[in-house]
Every structure is written in structure tokens, then in C-alpha cells.
Amino acid sequence: MALRDKRRAPSAPKTRINKDIRSREVRVIGPESEQFGIMSATDAIDRALEHGLDLVEVAPTAVPPVCRIMDYGKFKYEQSRKERALKAHQKGGQLKEVKLRPYTGEHDLEFKINHAKEFLEERNKVKMTLMFRGREMARKQIGWEIMQQIQKQLEEVGQPEYPPKMEGRNMIMILAPKSAKGA
């Protein structure tokens, strides 16, 4: 069981409320943002209970720690809404990969180009990977031609961020959505 605890990822510091607050003295802010000043933690908890609310430690590193009298359930709900809103705005910018070979058939190549087009329209970057095997390395010119053809067919929705380049046995090109670079 001890091994399991060591492998667990570190969690975010837990917000302390009411009896979990360890400091002797705290600076208290009321439910209407009024300053109650510095008082003992027990007095602050009593004051919060008078209002029918919780005492929540909002700035634990301050000296003395700052606590606010508020509804803790509502506070947690607001925090989760803010986090969800931030995650919603971070969408896009993912890197999607489309793999192909030098002798990929005409229809299959069109199919893969259509996939790349969909990815670019969804505001994602596309990494086109052309994989060479064995003696195909002697025919790199075919790879360059395929990459140029792909670039030409996707020029209305994407532009090259990283031009075609050989990396080992793979030729790689990264395309970014058109408006992402201000075009």
C-alpha cells in the first residue's frame, strides 16, 4: 500500500475550511466583502456560523492567513465553472498526423488529403508523414512530388508551417490552418 501512495500524482493543495484551518489568528473578510480584521480562528468560525456560512481560507500563504466567510459549496461550484470555461477556450491547436507511403494509390491519397483538410478546418495542425521502406529510399523524388501535390491541394485551408524535410526514413511536413498565422 505504501508503494501505491508513492506513485500517486501530487494533487492541488486542498482549500481549508472551518475546523481544518490551522492558524491561531486569521484576517477575516465578511460575506459582503467587509473587513472584520484579525481575530482568532475559533472566533472567526463562530462569526461564520452566526451567518450560517463557512470560514474558507483563501490566502493561506499570507501572514496572517486571509479567510473569507462564504458558502463553500457555491465557492467550489464557481471555481469548477471557471476551470471549465478556461478549458473550452483552449480548444484547437492539436497536432493531427496523417501517414502515407510513396506508392499510396490515387484514391487512398485523395482520402488522406480529405482527412487532412477536415483537420485543418477544425483549427488543428496536420503533420503529414511519408514513410519510406527499404529500396524506396532511392526514390525520394517521388516523395517530394507527393508532398508538393498535397501542399497544392490544401493551400486554401492550410499553409506549411514546417516545409517537407527528411527525418531518417520519413519525410515530414507540418501544415497549419490558414488564419492561424494571420493569412
N, C-alpha and C. Protein backbone atom coordinates (compact mmCIF):
# COMPACT_ATOMS: atom_id res chain seq x y z
N MET A 1 0.82 -1.19 0.00
CA MET A 1 0.00 0.00 0.00
C MET A 1 0.86 1.26 0.00
N ALA A 2 2.00 1.21 0.66
CA ALA A 2 2.89 2.36 0.69
C ALA A 2 3.43 2.67 -0.69
N LEU A 3 3.67 1.63 -1.50
CA LEU A 3 4.16 1.85 -2.85
C LEU A 3 3.12 2.59 -3.69
N ARG A 4 1.87 2.25 -3.51
CA ARG A 4 0.81 2.89 -4.27
C ARG A 4 0.76 4.39 -3.98
N ASP A 5 0.95 4.77 -2.72
CA ASP A 5 0.92 6.18 -2.35
C ASP A 5 2.06 6.94 -2.98
N LYS A 6 3.23 6.31 -3.14
CA LYS A 6 4.38 6.99 -3.72
C LYS A 6 4.17 7.27 -5.20
N ARG A 7 3.42 6.39 -5.88
CA ARG A 7 3.22 6.56 -7.32
C ARG A 7 2.12 7.55 -7.65
N ARG A 8 1.31 7.90 -6.70
CA ARG A 8 0.19 8.79 -6.95
C ARG A 8 0.70 10.19 -7.32
N ALA A 9 0.05 10.79 -8.30
CA ALA A 9 0.44 12.14 -8.75
C ALA A 9 0.12 13.16 -7.65
N PRO A 10 0.96 14.19 -7.51
CA PRO A 10 0.69 15.20 -6.48
C PRO A 10 -0.58 15.96 -6.83
N SER A 11 -1.46 16.13 -5.85
CA SER A 11 -2.71 16.82 -6.10
C SER A 11 -2.59 18.30 -5.75
N ALA A 12 -3.53 19.07 -6.21
CA ALA A 12 -3.54 20.51 -5.91
C ALA A 12 -3.78 20.70 -4.41
N PRO A 13 -3.24 21.75 -3.81
CA PRO A 13 -3.45 21.96 -2.39
C PRO A 13 -4.94 22.13 -2.09
N LYS A 14 -5.41 21.44 -1.07
CA LYS A 14 -6.82 21.45 -0.72
C LYS A 14 -7.15 22.73 0.03
N THR A 15 -8.28 23.31 -0.29
CA THR A 15 -8.74 24.52 0.39
C THR A 15 -9.22 24.12 1.78
N ARG A 16 -8.73 24.83 2.79
CA ARG A 16 -9.13 24.52 4.17
C ARG A 16 -10.36 25.32 4.56
N ILE A 17 -11.27 24.65 5.24
CA ILE A 17 -12.48 25.33 5.72
C ILE A 17 -12.71 24.99 7.18
N ASN A 18 -13.37 25.90 7.87
CA ASN A 18 -13.78 25.76 9.27
C ASN A 18 -12.70 25.16 10.17
N LYS A 19 -12.92 23.97 10.71
CA LYS A 19 -12.01 23.36 11.70
C LYS A 19 -10.68 22.93 11.11
N ASP A 20 -10.55 22.87 9.77
CA ASP A 20 -9.29 22.48 9.13
C ASP A 20 -8.27 23.61 9.12
N ILE A 21 -8.68 24.83 9.42
CA ILE A 21 -7.77 25.98 9.43
C ILE A 21 -6.87 25.86 10.65
N ARG A 22 -5.55 25.83 10.43
CA ARG A 22 -4.59 25.54 11.48
C ARG A 22 -4.05 26.77 12.21
N SER A 23 -4.13 27.94 11.60
CA SER A 23 -3.54 29.13 12.20
C SER A 23 -4.31 29.57 13.44
N ARG A 24 -3.56 30.18 14.36
CA ARG A 24 -4.22 30.70 15.57
C ARG A 24 -5.00 31.96 15.23
N GLU A 25 -4.38 32.85 14.45
CA GLU A 25 -5.02 34.11 14.08
C GLU A 25 -5.21 34.17 12.57
N VAL A 26 -6.31 34.76 12.16
CA VAL A 26 -6.61 34.91 10.73
C VAL A 26 -7.19 36.30 10.47
N ARG A 27 -6.98 36.78 9.26
CA ARG A 27 -7.61 38.03 8.84
C ARG A 27 -8.94 37.64 8.21
N VAL A 28 -10.02 38.21 8.66
CA VAL A 28 -11.36 37.77 8.24
C VAL A 28 -12.03 38.82 7.35
N ILE A 29 -12.59 38.31 6.25
CA ILE A 29 -13.37 39.14 5.33
C ILE A 29 -14.80 38.60 5.39
N GLY A 30 -15.75 39.48 5.56
CA GLY A 30 -17.15 39.09 5.72
C GLY A 30 -17.82 38.68 4.42
N PRO A 31 -19.08 38.25 4.51
CA PRO A 31 -19.80 37.80 3.33
C PRO A 31 -20.08 38.92 2.32
N GLU A 32 -20.11 40.16 2.77
CA GLU A 32 -20.34 41.30 1.88
C GLU A 32 -19.03 42.03 1.58
N SER A 33 -17.90 41.33 1.69
CA SER A 33 -16.55 41.85 1.46
C SER A 33 -16.12 42.91 2.47
N GLU A 34 -16.76 42.94 3.63
CA GLU A 34 -16.35 43.88 4.66
C GLU A 34 -15.19 43.28 5.47
N GLN A 35 -14.30 44.14 5.94
CA GLN A 35 -13.13 43.72 6.71
C GLN A 35 -13.51 43.59 8.19
N PHE A 36 -13.35 42.39 8.74
CA PHE A 36 -13.58 42.19 10.16
C PHE A 36 -12.28 42.29 10.95
N GLY A 37 -11.15 42.30 10.26
CA GLY A 37 -9.87 42.44 10.92
C GLY A 37 -9.27 41.10 11.33
N ILE A 38 -8.24 41.18 12.19
CA ILE A 38 -7.53 39.99 12.64
C ILE A 38 -8.19 39.49 13.92
N MET A 39 -8.48 38.19 13.95
CA MET A 39 -9.07 37.57 15.15
C MET A 39 -8.65 36.12 15.23
N SER A 40 -8.93 35.48 16.32
CA SER A 40 -8.56 34.07 16.47
C SER A 40 -9.43 33.23 15.52
N ALA A 41 -8.91 32.07 15.14
CA ALA A 41 -9.61 31.21 14.20
C ALA A 41 -10.95 30.74 14.78
N THR A 42 -10.97 30.45 16.08
CA THR A 42 -12.23 29.98 16.69
C THR A 42 -13.30 31.07 16.68
N ASP A 43 -12.89 32.33 16.95
CA ASP A 43 -13.84 33.44 16.89
C ASP A 43 -14.36 33.63 15.46
N ALA A 44 -13.47 33.47 14.50
CA ALA A 44 -13.86 33.64 13.09
C ALA A 44 -14.84 32.55 12.68
N ILE A 45 -14.61 31.33 13.14
CA ILE A 45 -15.53 30.23 12.82
C ILE A 45 -16.90 30.50 13.45
N ASP A 46 -16.90 30.99 14.70
CA ASP A 46 -18.16 31.32 15.37
C ASP A 46 -18.92 32.40 14.59
N ARG A 47 -18.18 33.41 14.12
CA ARG A 47 -18.79 34.50 13.35
C ARG A 47 -19.40 33.96 12.05
N ALA A 48 -18.68 33.01 11.39
CA ALA A 48 -19.19 32.42 10.15
C ALA A 48 -20.46 31.62 10.42
N LEU A 49 -20.49 30.89 11.52
CA LEU A 49 -21.67 30.09 11.88
C LEU A 49 -22.88 30.98 12.19
N GLU A 50 -22.61 32.18 12.75
CA GLU A 50 -23.70 33.13 13.01
C GLU A 50 -24.40 33.52 11.70
N HIS A 51 -23.59 33.63 10.63
CA HIS A 51 -24.14 34.00 9.31
C HIS A 51 -24.69 32.77 8.59
N GLY A 52 -24.48 31.57 9.16
CA GLY A 52 -24.93 30.34 8.51
C GLY A 52 -24.06 29.96 7.32
N LEU A 53 -22.79 30.38 7.37
CA LEU A 53 -21.87 30.13 6.25
C LEU A 53 -20.61 29.43 6.77
N ASP A 54 -19.64 29.24 5.87
CA ASP A 54 -18.37 28.60 6.22
C ASP A 54 -17.25 29.62 6.25
N LEU A 55 -16.20 29.30 7.01
CA LEU A 55 -14.97 30.11 7.00
C LEU A 55 -14.00 29.40 6.07
N VAL A 56 -13.63 30.07 4.97
CA VAL A 56 -12.79 29.46 3.93
C VAL A 56 -11.47 30.21 3.86
N GLU A 57 -10.36 29.46 3.91
CA GLU A 57 -9.03 30.06 3.82
C GLU A 57 -8.74 30.34 2.34
N VAL A 58 -8.69 31.63 1.97
CA VAL A 58 -8.50 32.00 0.57
C VAL A 58 -7.06 32.38 0.24
N ALA A 59 -6.28 32.79 1.23
CA ALA A 59 -4.87 33.13 1.01
C ALA A 59 -4.05 32.51 2.15
N PRO A 60 -3.71 31.21 2.04
CA PRO A 60 -3.02 30.54 3.13
C PRO A 60 -1.58 30.99 3.35
N THR A 61 -0.95 31.60 2.34
CA THR A 61 0.45 32.00 2.49
C THR A 61 0.62 33.38 3.11
N ALA A 62 -0.46 34.15 3.21
CA ALA A 62 -0.37 35.48 3.80
C ALA A 62 -0.11 35.37 5.30
N VAL A 63 0.41 36.44 5.89
CA VAL A 63 0.66 36.46 7.34
C VAL A 63 -0.17 37.59 7.93
N PRO A 64 -1.16 37.34 8.75
CA PRO A 64 -1.80 36.04 9.00
C PRO A 64 -2.62 35.62 7.79
N PRO A 65 -2.98 34.32 7.69
CA PRO A 65 -3.76 33.84 6.54
C PRO A 65 -5.09 34.59 6.41
N VAL A 66 -5.53 34.78 5.17
CA VAL A 66 -6.78 35.50 4.93
C VAL A 66 -7.89 34.47 4.77
N CYS A 67 -8.96 34.66 5.52
CA CYS A 67 -10.13 33.77 5.45
C CYS A 67 -11.36 34.60 5.11
N ARG A 68 -12.28 33.97 4.40
CA ARG A 68 -13.49 34.66 3.99
C ARG A 68 -14.71 33.87 4.46
N ILE A 69 -15.70 34.60 4.90
CA ILE A 69 -16.95 33.97 5.30
C ILE A 69 -17.82 33.87 4.05
N MET A 70 -18.09 32.60 3.63
CA MET A 70 -18.85 32.38 2.39
C MET A 70 -19.47 31.00 2.40
N ASP A 71 -20.31 30.74 1.40
CA ASP A 71 -20.89 29.42 1.21
C ASP A 71 -19.87 28.60 0.43
N TYR A 72 -19.28 27.58 1.06
CA TYR A 72 -18.21 26.80 0.45
C TYR A 72 -18.69 26.03 -0.78
N GLY A 73 -19.88 25.49 -0.73
CA GLY A 73 -20.43 24.76 -1.88
C GLY A 73 -20.55 25.65 -3.11
N LYS A 74 -21.01 26.86 -2.90
CA LYS A 74 -21.14 27.82 -4.00
C LYS A 74 -19.76 28.21 -4.53
N PHE A 75 -18.80 28.37 -3.62
CA PHE A 75 -17.42 28.72 -3.98
C PHE A 75 -16.82 27.63 -4.88
N LYS A 76 -16.98 26.34 -4.50
CA LYS A 76 -16.45 25.24 -5.30
C LYS A 76 -17.12 25.19 -6.67
N TYR A 77 -18.43 25.43 -6.71
CA TYR A 77 -19.16 25.42 -7.97
C TYR A 77 -18.63 26.51 -8.91
N GLU A 78 -18.43 27.71 -8.39
CA GLU A 78 -17.91 28.81 -9.20
C GLU A 78 -16.52 28.49 -9.73
N GLN A 79 -15.66 27.89 -8.89
CA GLN A 79 -14.32 27.52 -9.33
C GLN A 79 -14.38 26.51 -10.47
N SER A 80 -15.25 25.50 -10.36
CA SER A 80 -15.34 24.49 -11.42
C SER A 80 -15.87 25.11 -12.71
N ARG A 81 -16.78 26.06 -12.61
CA ARG A 81 -17.29 26.74 -13.82
C ARG A 81 -16.18 27.53 -14.50
N LYS A 82 -15.35 28.22 -13.71
CA LYS A 82 -14.24 28.99 -14.28
C LYS A 82 -13.25 28.06 -14.98
N GLU A 83 -12.93 26.91 -14.35
CA GLU A 83 -12.00 25.96 -14.96
C GLU A 83 -12.56 25.41 -16.26
N ARG A 84 -13.86 25.09 -16.28
CA ARG A 84 -14.49 24.58 -17.49
C ARG A 84 -14.45 25.62 -18.60
N ALA A 85 -14.68 26.88 -18.25
CA ALA A 85 -14.65 27.95 -19.25
C ALA A 85 -13.25 28.11 -19.83
N LEU A 86 -12.23 28.01 -19.00
CA LEU A 86 -10.86 28.11 -19.48
C LEU A 86 -10.53 26.96 -20.42
N LYS A 87 -10.96 25.75 -20.08
CA LYS A 87 -10.69 24.60 -20.94
C LYS A 87 -11.40 24.74 -22.27
N ALA A 88 -12.59 25.31 -22.28
CA ALA A 88 -13.35 25.48 -23.52
C ALA A 88 -12.63 26.43 -24.47
N HIS A 89 -11.96 27.44 -23.93
CA HIS A 89 -11.26 28.41 -24.77
C HIS A 89 -9.92 27.90 -25.25
N GLN A 90 -9.41 26.81 -24.68
CA GLN A 90 -8.11 26.29 -25.06
C GLN A 90 -8.18 25.29 -26.20
N LYS A 91 -9.39 25.06 -26.74
CA LYS A 91 -9.53 24.05 -27.78
C LYS A 91 -8.76 24.47 -29.03
N GLY A 92 -8.45 23.49 -29.85
CA GLY A 92 -7.73 23.75 -31.08
C GLY A 92 -6.24 23.69 -30.86
N GLY A 93 -5.50 23.77 -31.93
CA GLY A 93 -4.06 23.75 -31.81
C GLY A 93 -3.49 22.36 -31.60
N GLN A 94 -4.33 21.33 -31.69
CA GLN A 94 -3.80 19.98 -31.56
C GLN A 94 -3.08 19.61 -32.84
N LEU A 95 -2.16 18.65 -32.72
CA LEU A 95 -1.41 18.18 -33.88
C LEU A 95 -1.95 16.82 -34.29
N LYS A 96 -2.55 16.75 -35.47
CA LYS A 96 -3.08 15.50 -36.00
C LYS A 96 -2.09 14.99 -37.04
N GLU A 97 -1.94 13.68 -37.12
CA GLU A 97 -0.97 13.11 -38.06
C GLU A 97 -1.66 12.26 -39.11
N VAL A 98 -1.21 12.43 -40.36
CA VAL A 98 -1.68 11.62 -41.48
C VAL A 98 -0.45 10.94 -42.06
N LYS A 99 -0.47 9.59 -42.06
CA LYS A 99 0.68 8.82 -42.56
C LYS A 99 0.35 8.24 -43.92
N LEU A 100 1.34 8.23 -44.80
CA LEU A 100 1.18 7.62 -46.11
C LEU A 100 2.52 7.08 -46.60
N ARG A 101 2.48 6.39 -47.74
CA ARG A 101 3.68 5.78 -48.33
C ARG A 101 3.89 6.35 -49.72
N PRO A 102 5.09 6.23 -50.28
CA PRO A 102 5.35 6.79 -51.61
C PRO A 102 4.46 6.20 -52.71
N TYR A 103 4.09 4.94 -52.58
CA TYR A 103 3.29 4.32 -53.62
C TYR A 103 1.84 4.12 -53.16
N THR A 104 1.34 5.07 -52.37
CA THR A 104 -0.07 5.05 -51.95
C THR A 104 -0.92 5.28 -53.20
N GLY A 105 -2.00 4.53 -53.33
CA GLY A 105 -2.87 4.64 -54.50
C GLY A 105 -3.51 6.01 -54.60
N GLU A 106 -3.96 6.35 -55.81
CA GLU A 106 -4.54 7.67 -56.09
C GLU A 106 -5.76 7.95 -55.20
N HIS A 107 -6.68 6.97 -55.12
CA HIS A 107 -7.89 7.16 -54.31
C HIS A 107 -7.54 7.27 -52.82
N ASP A 108 -6.62 6.43 -52.36
CA ASP A 108 -6.22 6.46 -50.95
C ASP A 108 -5.57 7.80 -50.61
N LEU A 109 -4.78 8.33 -51.55
CA LEU A 109 -4.12 9.62 -51.33
C LEU A 109 -5.18 10.73 -51.22
N GLU A 110 -6.19 10.70 -52.09
CA GLU A 110 -7.26 11.70 -52.02
C GLU A 110 -8.01 11.59 -50.68
N PHE A 111 -8.23 10.36 -50.24
CA PHE A 111 -8.92 10.12 -48.97
C PHE A 111 -8.12 10.73 -47.81
N LYS A 112 -6.82 10.53 -47.80
CA LYS A 112 -5.97 11.07 -46.74
C LYS A 112 -5.88 12.59 -46.80
N ILE A 113 -5.87 13.14 -48.01
CA ILE A 113 -5.86 14.60 -48.17
C ILE A 113 -7.17 15.19 -47.64
N ASN A 114 -8.30 14.50 -47.88
CA ASN A 114 -9.58 14.97 -47.34
C ASN A 114 -9.59 14.95 -45.82
N HIS A 115 -8.97 13.94 -45.23
CA HIS A 115 -8.86 13.89 -43.76
C HIS A 115 -8.05 15.08 -43.26
N ALA A 116 -6.93 15.35 -43.92
CA ALA A 116 -6.09 16.49 -43.52
C ALA A 116 -6.86 17.80 -43.66
N LYS A 117 -7.67 17.91 -44.71
CA LYS A 117 -8.48 19.11 -44.93
C LYS A 117 -9.48 19.29 -43.78
N GLU A 118 -10.13 18.19 -43.35
CA GLU A 118 -11.06 18.26 -42.22
C GLU A 118 -10.35 18.72 -40.95
N PHE A 119 -9.16 18.17 -40.70
CA PHE A 119 -8.40 18.56 -39.51
C PHE A 119 -8.07 20.05 -39.53
N LEU A 120 -7.66 20.55 -40.70
CA LEU A 120 -7.31 21.97 -40.81
C LEU A 120 -8.55 22.85 -40.62
N GLU A 121 -9.70 22.41 -41.13
CA GLU A 121 -10.93 23.18 -40.96
C GLU A 121 -11.38 23.20 -39.50
N GLU A 122 -10.99 22.18 -38.72
CA GLU A 122 -11.29 22.14 -37.29
C GLU A 122 -10.26 22.92 -36.46
N ARG A 123 -9.39 23.67 -37.11
CA ARG A 123 -8.37 24.51 -36.48
C ARG A 123 -7.24 23.72 -35.85
N ASN A 124 -6.95 22.51 -36.35
CA ASN A 124 -5.85 21.70 -35.86
C ASN A 124 -4.70 21.75 -36.86
N LYS A 125 -3.48 21.56 -36.38
CA LYS A 125 -2.34 21.44 -37.26
C LYS A 125 -2.28 20.01 -37.76
N VAL A 126 -1.69 19.82 -38.94
CA VAL A 126 -1.60 18.49 -39.54
C VAL A 126 -0.15 18.17 -39.84
N LYS A 127 0.29 17.00 -39.36
CA LYS A 127 1.63 16.52 -39.66
C LYS A 127 1.50 15.43 -40.71
N MET A 128 2.00 15.71 -41.90
CA MET A 128 1.97 14.74 -42.99
C MET A 128 3.28 13.95 -42.93
N THR A 129 3.19 12.64 -42.77
CA THR A 129 4.37 11.78 -42.67
C THR A 129 4.36 10.80 -43.83
N LEU A 130 5.39 10.89 -44.66
CA LEU A 130 5.56 9.98 -45.79
C LEU A 130 6.65 9.00 -45.41
N MET A 131 6.28 7.72 -45.24
CA MET A 131 7.22 6.72 -44.74
C MET A 131 7.85 5.94 -45.89
N PHE A 132 9.18 5.86 -45.88
CA PHE A 132 9.92 5.09 -46.89
C PHE A 132 10.39 3.79 -46.26
N ARG A 133 10.34 2.70 -47.03
CA ARG A 133 10.86 1.42 -46.57
C ARG A 133 11.84 0.87 -47.59
N GLY A 134 12.87 0.26 -47.09
CA GLY A 134 13.83 -0.45 -47.94
C GLY A 134 14.34 0.36 -49.11
N ARG A 135 14.15 -0.17 -50.31
CA ARG A 135 14.69 0.46 -51.53
C ARG A 135 13.91 1.69 -51.95
N GLU A 136 12.80 1.98 -51.29
CA GLU A 136 12.05 3.20 -51.61
C GLU A 136 12.88 4.44 -51.32
N MET A 137 13.89 4.31 -50.46
CA MET A 137 14.76 5.46 -50.12
C MET A 137 15.48 5.98 -51.37
N ALA A 138 15.66 5.14 -52.36
CA ALA A 138 16.33 5.56 -53.59
C ALA A 138 15.41 6.43 -54.44
N ARG A 139 14.11 6.47 -54.14
CA ARG A 139 13.14 7.21 -54.94
C ARG A 139 12.56 8.37 -54.14
N LYS A 140 13.40 9.15 -53.48
CA LYS A 140 12.92 10.28 -52.65
C LYS A 140 12.21 11.34 -53.48
N GLN A 141 12.54 11.43 -54.77
CA GLN A 141 11.91 12.43 -55.64
C GLN A 141 10.40 12.23 -55.70
N ILE A 142 9.96 10.97 -55.67
CA ILE A 142 8.52 10.69 -55.67
C ILE A 142 7.89 11.29 -54.42
N GLY A 143 8.58 11.17 -53.28
CA GLY A 143 8.10 11.74 -52.02
C GLY A 143 7.95 13.25 -52.10
N TRP A 144 8.96 13.93 -52.68
CA TRP A 144 8.88 15.39 -52.83
C TRP A 144 7.68 15.78 -53.68
N GLU A 145 7.46 15.04 -54.76
CA GLU A 145 6.33 15.34 -55.65
C GLU A 145 4.99 15.16 -54.93
N ILE A 146 4.87 14.09 -54.13
CA ILE A 146 3.63 13.85 -53.38
C ILE A 146 3.39 14.98 -52.39
N MET A 147 4.44 15.38 -51.69
CA MET A 147 4.30 16.47 -50.70
C MET A 147 3.90 17.77 -51.38
N GLN A 148 4.45 18.07 -52.56
CA GLN A 148 4.07 19.27 -53.30
C GLN A 148 2.60 19.20 -53.72
N GLN A 149 2.17 18.01 -54.15
CA GLN A 149 0.78 17.81 -54.56
C GLN A 149 -0.16 18.04 -53.37
N ILE A 150 0.21 17.50 -52.21
CA ILE A 150 -0.61 17.67 -51.01
C ILE A 150 -0.69 19.15 -50.63
N GLN A 151 0.46 19.81 -50.65
CA GLN A 151 0.53 21.24 -50.30
C GLN A 151 -0.36 22.05 -51.24
N LYS A 152 -0.32 21.73 -52.53
CA LYS A 152 -1.10 22.46 -53.52
C LYS A 152 -2.60 22.25 -53.30
N GLN A 153 -3.02 21.02 -52.96
CA GLN A 153 -4.44 20.73 -52.78
C GLN A 153 -4.99 21.31 -51.47
N LEU A 154 -4.12 21.56 -50.50
CA LEU A 154 -4.58 22.08 -49.21
C LEU A 154 -4.29 23.56 -49.02
N GLU A 155 -3.84 24.26 -50.08
CA GLU A 155 -3.41 25.65 -49.90
C GLU A 155 -4.55 26.60 -49.53
N GLU A 156 -5.82 26.27 -49.84
CA GLU A 156 -6.90 27.19 -49.47
C GLU A 156 -7.27 27.09 -47.99
N VAL A 157 -6.96 25.96 -47.32
CA VAL A 157 -7.30 25.82 -45.90
C VAL A 157 -6.08 25.81 -44.99
N GLY A 158 -4.91 25.50 -45.54
CA GLY A 158 -3.70 25.42 -44.70
C GLY A 158 -2.47 25.91 -45.42
N GLN A 159 -1.47 26.22 -44.63
CA GLN A 159 -0.20 26.66 -45.19
C GLN A 159 0.92 25.94 -44.46
N PRO A 160 2.04 25.72 -45.13
CA PRO A 160 3.13 24.97 -44.49
C PRO A 160 3.76 25.77 -43.34
N GLU A 161 3.80 25.14 -42.18
CA GLU A 161 4.48 25.73 -41.04
C GLU A 161 5.91 25.20 -41.00
N TYR A 162 6.07 23.96 -41.46
CA TYR A 162 7.34 23.26 -41.49
C TYR A 162 7.40 22.58 -42.84
N PRO A 163 8.24 23.09 -43.77
CA PRO A 163 8.26 22.54 -45.13
C PRO A 163 8.71 21.07 -45.15
N PRO A 164 8.46 20.34 -46.25
CA PRO A 164 8.86 18.93 -46.32
C PRO A 164 10.36 18.76 -46.07
N LYS A 165 10.67 17.84 -45.17
CA LYS A 165 12.06 17.61 -44.80
C LYS A 165 12.24 16.14 -44.44
N MET A 166 13.37 15.57 -44.81
CA MET A 166 13.66 14.18 -44.48
C MET A 166 14.13 14.08 -43.03
N GLU A 167 13.55 13.15 -42.29
CA GLU A 167 13.99 12.83 -40.93
C GLU A 167 14.11 11.32 -40.86
N GLY A 168 15.32 10.82 -41.04
CA GLY A 168 15.53 9.38 -41.09
C GLY A 168 14.89 8.79 -42.33
N ARG A 169 14.00 7.83 -42.15
CA ARG A 169 13.31 7.20 -43.27
C ARG A 169 11.96 7.84 -43.54
N ASN A 170 11.65 8.96 -42.89
CA ASN A 170 10.37 9.64 -43.06
C ASN A 170 10.57 11.04 -43.62
N MET A 171 9.64 11.44 -44.49
CA MET A 171 9.60 12.82 -44.96
C MET A 171 8.42 13.47 -44.23
N ILE A 172 8.69 14.57 -43.57
CA ILE A 172 7.67 15.19 -42.71
C ILE A 172 7.40 16.62 -43.15
N MET A 173 6.10 16.99 -43.12
CA MET A 173 5.68 18.36 -43.39
C MET A 173 4.55 18.67 -42.41
N ILE A 174 4.57 19.87 -41.82
CA ILE A 174 3.51 20.29 -40.90
C ILE A 174 2.77 21.45 -41.54
N LEU A 175 1.43 21.32 -41.59
CA LEU A 175 0.57 22.36 -42.13
C LEU A 175 -0.25 22.96 -41.00
N ALA A 176 -0.38 24.28 -41.01
CA ALA A 176 -1.17 24.99 -40.01
C ALA A 176 -2.40 25.58 -40.68
N PRO A 177 -3.49 25.76 -39.93
CA PRO A 177 -4.69 26.38 -40.52
C PRO A 177 -4.36 27.77 -41.05
N LYS A 178 -5.02 28.19 -42.13
CA LYS A 178 -4.71 29.46 -42.81
C LYS A 178 -4.70 30.67 -41.88
N SER A 179 -5.78 30.91 -41.15
CA SER A 179 -5.87 32.13 -40.35
C SER A 179 -5.03 32.08 -39.09
N ALA A 180 -4.48 30.92 -38.72
CA ALA A 180 -3.67 30.80 -37.50
C ALA A 180 -2.41 31.65 -37.59
N LYS A 181 -1.91 31.85 -38.83
CA LYS A 181 -0.70 32.65 -38.99
C LYS A 181 -1.02 34.06 -39.47
N GLY A 182 -2.30 34.41 -39.48
CA GLY A 182 -2.70 35.76 -39.86
C GLY A 182 -2.84 35.95 -41.35
N ALA A 183 -2.93 34.87 -42.13
CA ALA A 183 -3.08 35.00 -43.57
C ALA A 183 -4.52 35.15 -43.96
